[in-house]
């Protein structure tokens, strides 16, 4: 019997956080509806698991959800690291523009019926993603001006993730 979304996400959260190295366990996590977010310093820069039945995919990614200049700055900083990121996490990981203001580095898995084995797989990929990317994020934080961090983020649109996508293949969005 398939699991309820809330039970699935709680299991992913518990197992992913348990798989993290000790030095990465000091994070904040929250579940809301069909997504789980994990962040360290700012909720504008967070890891996310997002269940999208409509597309039949589960997204696992690192999201930058601030004003356009903030989100694009993060994409610019990570773009040169994409060969290393893809070597460590796989070629399916993409850096892309997501909305007019937000960017993300993400991958997707098939959305099968929610089950404990699927939760284990998603938790493993989330923990691996955090383990690879968070040290990079930490090393790049000083390259993001504080005024960009302080600007309020555009509101999240429930039920939608923006009007368009453009894959960048390792180039920073808009470049």
C-alpha atoms as a PDB file:
ATOM      1  CA  UNK A   1       0.000   0.000   0.000  1.00  0.00           C
ATOM      2  CA  UNK A   2       1.445   3.413  -0.980  1.00  0.00           C
ATOM      3  CA  UNK A   3       2.451   5.802   1.783  1.00  0.00           C
ATOM      4  CA  UNK A   4       0.808   9.132   2.514  1.00  0.00           C
ATOM      5  CA  UNK A   5       2.837  12.136   1.347  1.00  0.00           C
ATOM      6  CA  UNK A   6       3.333  13.422   4.912  1.00  0.00           C
ATOM      7  CA  UNK A   7       4.666  10.048   6.073  1.00  0.00           C
ATOM      8  CA  UNK A   8       6.931   9.747   3.027  1.00  0.00           C
ATOM      9  CA  UNK A   9       8.424  13.208   3.498  1.00  0.00           C
ATOM     10  CA  UNK A  10       8.980  12.666   7.233  1.00  0.00           C
ATOM     11  CA  UNK A  11      10.813   9.427   6.450  1.00  0.00           C
ATOM     12  CA  UNK A  12      12.957  11.141   3.784  1.00  0.00           C
ATOM     13  CA  UNK A  13      13.818  13.921   6.241  1.00  0.00           C
ATOM     14  CA  UNK A  14      14.738  11.578   9.088  1.00  0.00           C
ATOM     15  CA  UNK A  15      16.815   9.269   6.936  1.00  0.00           C
ATOM     16  CA  UNK A  16      18.565  11.998   4.941  1.00  0.00           C
ATOM     17  CA  UNK A  17      19.588  13.919   8.051  1.00  0.00           C
ATOM     18  CA  UNK A  18      20.838  10.686   9.607  1.00  0.00           C
ATOM     19  CA  UNK A  19      23.028  10.034   6.552  1.00  0.00           C
ATOM     20  CA  UNK A  20      24.752  13.413   6.698  1.00  0.00           C
ATOM     21  CA  UNK A  21      28.245  13.700   8.115  1.00  0.00           C
ATOM     22  CA  UNK A  22      28.208  15.058  11.671  1.00  0.00           C
ATOM     23  CA  UNK A  23      29.453  18.498  10.570  1.00  0.00           C
ATOM     24  CA  UNK A  24      26.433  18.941   8.245  1.00  0.00           C
ATOM     25  CA  UNK A  25      23.710  17.957  10.721  1.00  0.00           C
ATOM     26  CA  UNK A  26      23.286  21.484  12.120  1.00  0.00           C
ATOM     27  CA  UNK A  27      20.603  22.475   9.647  1.00  0.00           C
ATOM     28  CA  UNK A  28      16.980  23.552   9.728  1.00  0.00           C
ATOM     29  CA  UNK A  29      14.429  21.347   7.970  1.00  0.00           C
ATOM     30  CA  UNK A  30      10.731  21.762   7.319  1.00  0.00           C
ATOM     31  CA  UNK A  31       8.045  19.883   5.446  1.00  0.00           C
ATOM     32  CA  UNK A  32       5.153  21.650   3.802  1.00  0.00           C
ATOM     33  CA  UNK A  33       2.672  19.829   1.612  1.00  0.00           C
ATOM     34  CA  UNK A  34       4.689  18.187  -1.196  1.00  0.00           C
ATOM     35  CA  UNK A  35       8.113  19.599  -0.406  1.00  0.00           C
ATOM     36  CA  UNK A  36      10.863  19.255   2.147  1.00  0.00           C
ATOM     37  CA  UNK A  37      13.370  22.068   2.585  1.00  0.00           C
ATOM     38  CA  UNK A  38      16.723  21.960   4.383  1.00  0.00           C
ATOM     39  CA  UNK A  39      18.811  25.088   4.906  1.00  0.00           C
ATOM     40  CA  UNK A  40      21.860  26.190   6.857  1.00  0.00           C
ATOM     41  CA  UNK A  41      22.170  29.986   6.941  1.00  0.00           C
ATOM     42  CA  UNK A  42      19.237  31.350   4.985  1.00  0.00           C
ATOM     43  CA  UNK A  43      15.997  29.817   3.750  1.00  0.00           C
ATOM     44  CA  UNK A  44      16.671  31.626   0.454  1.00  0.00           C
ATOM     45  CA  UNK A  45      19.414  29.034  -0.184  1.00  0.00           C
ATOM     46  CA  UNK A  46      17.968  25.629   0.546  1.00  0.00           C
ATOM     47  CA  UNK A  47      17.966  22.010  -0.504  1.00  0.00           C
ATOM     48  CA  UNK A  48      14.575  20.782  -1.577  1.00  0.00           C
ATOM     49  CA  UNK A  49      12.761  17.557  -2.285  1.00  0.00           C
ATOM     50  CA  UNK A  50       9.650  18.316  -4.296  1.00  0.00           C
ATOM     51  CA  UNK A  51       7.056  15.704  -5.266  1.00  0.00           C
ATOM     52  CA  UNK A  52       5.414  16.515  -8.601  1.00  0.00           C
ATOM     53  CA  UNK A  53       2.797  13.964  -9.532  1.00  0.00           C
ATOM     54  CA  UNK A  54       1.841  16.074 -12.540  1.00  0.00           C
ATOM     55  CA  UNK A  55       5.238  15.455 -14.176  1.00  0.00           C
ATOM     56  CA  UNK A  56       5.768  12.057 -12.575  1.00  0.00           C
ATOM     57  CA  UNK A  57       9.089  13.202 -11.087  1.00  0.00           C
ATOM     58  CA  UNK A  58      10.655  13.883  -7.693  1.00  0.00           C
ATOM     59  CA  UNK A  59      13.049  16.805  -7.731  1.00  0.00           C
ATOM     60  CA  UNK A  60      16.094  16.917  -5.476  1.00  0.00           C
ATOM     61  CA  UNK A  61      17.947  20.179  -5.668  1.00  0.00           C
ATOM     62  CA  UNK A  62      19.638  23.251  -4.307  1.00  0.00           C
ATOM     63  CA  UNK A  63      17.403  26.280  -4.762  1.00  0.00           C
ATOM     64  CA  UNK A  64      18.217  29.991  -4.752  1.00  0.00           C
ATOM     65  CA  UNK A  65      14.976  31.820  -4.048  1.00  0.00           C
ATOM     66  CA  UNK A  66      15.803  35.466  -3.516  1.00  0.00           C
ATOM     67  CA  UNK A  67      15.644  38.554  -5.648  1.00  0.00           C
ATOM     68  CA  UNK A  68      16.905  38.037  -9.206  1.00  0.00           C
ATOM     69  CA  UNK A  69      20.381  39.474  -8.515  1.00  0.00           C
ATOM     70  CA  UNK A  70      20.809  37.198  -5.490  1.00  0.00           C
ATOM     71  CA  UNK A  71      19.705  34.012  -7.245  1.00  0.00           C
ATOM     72  CA  UNK A  72      21.673  34.758 -10.392  1.00  0.00           C
ATOM     73  CA  UNK A  73      24.786  35.567  -8.373  1.00  0.00           C
ATOM     74  CA  UNK A  74      24.653  32.091  -6.844  1.00  0.00           C
ATOM     75  CA  UNK A  75      24.215  30.527 -10.293  1.00  0.00           C
ATOM     76  CA  UNK A  76      27.195  32.522 -11.600  1.00  0.00           C
ATOM     77  CA  UNK A  77      29.328  31.279  -8.708  1.00  0.00           C
ATOM     78  CA  UNK A  78      28.359  27.624  -9.175  1.00  0.00           C
ATOM     79  CA  UNK A  79      28.494  27.540 -12.987  1.00  0.00           C
ATOM     80  CA  UNK A  80      32.297  27.076 -13.151  1.00  0.00           C
ATOM     81  CA  UNK A  81      31.971  24.193 -10.671  1.00  0.00           C
ATOM     82  CA  UNK A  82      29.430  22.279 -12.800  1.00  0.00           C
ATOM     83  CA  UNK A  83      31.982  19.840 -14.282  1.00  0.00           C
ATOM     84  CA  UNK A  84      33.050  18.875 -10.751  1.00  0.00           C
ATOM     85  CA  UNK A  85      29.442  18.767  -9.521  1.00  0.00           C
ATOM     86  CA  UNK A  86      28.354  16.563 -12.414  1.00  0.00           C
ATOM     87  CA  UNK A  87      31.394  14.319 -11.969  1.00  0.00           C
ATOM     88  CA  UNK A  88      30.413  13.757  -8.338  1.00  0.00           C
ATOM     89  CA  UNK A  89      26.589  13.732  -8.566  1.00  0.00           C
ATOM     90  CA  UNK A  90      26.042  12.652 -12.169  1.00  0.00           C
ATOM     91  CA  UNK A  91      25.458  14.258 -15.559  1.00  0.00           C
ATOM     92  CA  UNK A  92      21.720  14.513 -14.885  1.00  0.00           C
ATOM     93  CA  UNK A  93      22.329  17.427 -12.481  1.00  0.00           C
ATOM     94  CA  UNK A  94      21.411  20.715 -14.153  1.00  0.00           C
ATOM     95  CA  UNK A  95      21.862  24.370 -13.285  1.00  0.00           C
ATOM     96  CA  UNK A  96      19.003  26.421 -14.671  1.00  0.00           C
ATOM     97  CA  UNK A  97      16.871  29.497 -14.556  1.00  0.00           C
ATOM     98  CA  UNK A  98      13.643  28.552 -12.920  1.00  0.00           C
ATOM     99  CA  UNK A  99      11.515  31.661 -12.719  1.00  0.00           C
ATOM    100  CA  UNK A 100      12.178  35.312 -13.475  1.00  0.00           C
ATOM    101  CA  UNK A 101      13.926  35.571 -10.076  1.00  0.00           C
ATOM    102  CA  UNK A 102      14.971  32.087  -8.994  1.00  0.00           C
ATOM    103  CA  UNK A 103      17.627  29.593 -10.060  1.00  0.00           C
ATOM    104  CA  UNK A 104      18.265  26.000  -9.081  1.00  0.00           C
ATOM    105  CA  UNK A 105      20.744  23.175  -9.371  1.00  0.00           C
ATOM    106  CA  UNK A 106      18.697  19.990  -9.499  1.00  0.00           C
ATOM    107  CA  UNK A 107      18.020  16.477 -10.685  1.00  0.00           C
ATOM    108  CA  UNK A 108      14.880  14.372 -10.811  1.00  0.00           C
ATOM    109  CA  UNK A 109      13.923  10.782 -10.095  1.00  0.00           C
ATOM    110  CA  UNK A 110      10.805   8.916 -11.242  1.00  0.00           C
ATOM    111  CA  UNK A 111       7.762   9.408  -9.031  1.00  0.00           C
ATOM    112  CA  UNK A 112       6.775   5.861  -8.215  1.00  0.00           C
ATOM    113  CA  UNK A 113       4.187   4.980  -5.615  1.00  0.00           C
ATOM    114  CA  UNK A 114       5.478   6.387  -2.355  1.00  0.00           C
ATOM    115  CA  UNK A 115       7.145   3.632  -0.374  1.00  0.00           C
ATOM    116  CA  UNK A 116       9.901   3.038   2.146  1.00  0.00           C
ATOM    117  CA  UNK A 117      12.406   1.908  -0.538  1.00  0.00           C
ATOM    118  CA  UNK A 118      11.700   5.077  -2.561  1.00  0.00           C
ATOM    119  CA  UNK A 119      12.104   7.204   0.584  1.00  0.00           C
ATOM    120  CA  UNK A 120      15.483   5.538   1.168  1.00  0.00           C
ATOM    121  CA  UNK A 121      16.571   6.301  -2.414  1.00  0.00           C
ATOM    122  CA  UNK A 122      15.441   9.929  -2.213  1.00  0.00           C
ATOM    123  CA  UNK A 123      17.027  10.373   1.238  1.00  0.00           C
ATOM    124  CA  UNK A 124      20.298   8.950  -0.052  1.00  0.00           C
ATOM    125  CA  UNK A 125      20.359  11.332  -3.037  1.00  0.00           C
ATOM    126  CA  UNK A 126      19.439  14.305  -0.846  1.00  0.00           C
ATOM    127  CA  UNK A 127      22.180  13.495   1.670  1.00  0.00           C
ATOM    128  CA  UNK A 128      24.691  13.016  -1.139  1.00  0.00           C
ATOM    129  CA  UNK A 129      23.640  16.310  -2.742  1.00  0.00           C
ATOM    130  CA  UNK A 130      24.044  18.197   0.537  1.00  0.00           C
ATOM    131  CA  UNK A 131      27.374  16.501   1.294  1.00  0.00           C
ATOM    132  CA  UNK A 132      28.806  17.502  -2.101  1.00  0.00           C
ATOM    133  CA  UNK A 133      27.294  20.975  -2.431  1.00  0.00           C
ATOM    134  CA  UNK A 134      27.213  22.468   1.058  1.00  0.00           C
ATOM    135  CA  UNK A 135      31.020  22.790   1.357  1.00  0.00           C
ATOM    136  CA  UNK A 136      30.959  24.645  -1.982  1.00  0.00           C
ATOM    137  CA  UNK A 137      28.131  26.891  -0.781  1.00  0.00           C
ATOM    138  CA  UNK A 138      30.092  27.682   2.381  1.00  0.00           C
ATOM    139  CA  UNK A 139      33.220  28.534   0.409  1.00  0.00           C
ATOM    140  CA  UNK A 140      31.247  30.893  -1.875  1.00  0.00           C
ATOM    141  CA  UNK A 141      29.055  32.688   0.690  1.00  0.00           C
ATOM    142  CA  UNK A 142      31.397  35.663   1.033  1.00  0.00           C
ATOM    143  CA  UNK A 143      31.135  36.299  -2.720  1.00  0.00           C
ATOM    144  CA  UNK A 144      27.426  37.135  -2.346  1.00  0.00           C
ATOM    145  CA  UNK A 145      27.056  40.735  -1.159  1.00  0.00           C
ATOM    146  CA  UNK A 146      25.081  41.038   2.112  1.00  0.00           C
ATOM    147  CA  UNK A 147      22.637  43.502   0.561  1.00  0.00           C
ATOM    148  CA  UNK A 148      21.567  40.821  -1.927  1.00  0.00           C
ATOM    149  CA  UNK A 149      20.952  38.409   0.944  1.00  0.00           C
ATOM    150  CA  UNK A 150      18.948  41.027   2.867  1.00  0.00           C
ATOM    151  CA  UNK A 151      16.526  41.874   0.045  1.00  0.00           C
ATOM    152  CA  UNK A 152      13.128  40.208   0.503  1.00  0.00           C
ATOM    153  CA  UNK A 153      12.486  37.126  -1.612  1.00  0.00           C
ATOM    154  CA  UNK A 154       9.630  37.154  -4.123  1.00  0.00           C
ATOM    155  CA  UNK A 155       6.634  35.169  -2.866  1.00  0.00           C
ATOM    156  CA  UNK A 156       6.486  31.433  -3.546  1.00  0.00           C
ATOM    157  CA  UNK A 157       3.670  30.525  -5.888  1.00  0.00           C
ATOM    158  CA  UNK A 158       1.773  27.560  -4.524  1.00  0.00           C
ATOM    159  CA  UNK A 159       0.933  24.920  -7.093  1.00  0.00           C
ATOM    160  CA  UNK A 160       3.376  26.207  -9.694  1.00  0.00           C
ATOM    161  CA  UNK A 161       7.085  26.605 -10.179  1.00  0.00           C
ATOM    162  CA  UNK A 162       7.329  29.427 -12.647  1.00  0.00           C
ATOM    163  CA  UNK A 163       6.347  29.953 -16.222  1.00  0.00           C
ATOM    164  CA  UNK A 164       9.407  28.615 -18.048  1.00  0.00           C
ATOM    165  CA  UNK A 165      12.682  26.797 -17.770  1.00  0.00           C
ATOM    166  CA  UNK A 166      15.930  27.163 -19.635  1.00  0.00           C
ATOM    167  CA  UNK A 167      18.628  24.593 -19.147  1.00  0.00           C
ATOM    168  CA  UNK A 168      22.080  26.089 -19.035  1.00  0.00           C
ATOM    169  CA  UNK A 169      24.391  23.105 -19.398  1.00  0.00           C
ATOM    170  CA  UNK A 170      26.759  24.466 -16.799  1.00  0.00           C
ATOM    171  CA  UNK A 171      26.614  28.116 -17.878  1.00  0.00           C
ATOM    172  CA  UNK A 172      25.208  30.678 -15.503  1.00  0.00           C
ATOM    173  CA  UNK A 173      21.649  31.704 -16.415  1.00  0.00           C
ATOM    174  CA  UNK A 174      21.459  34.697 -18.701  1.00  0.00           C
ATOM    175  CA  UNK A 175      25.064  34.361 -19.823  1.00  0.00           C
END
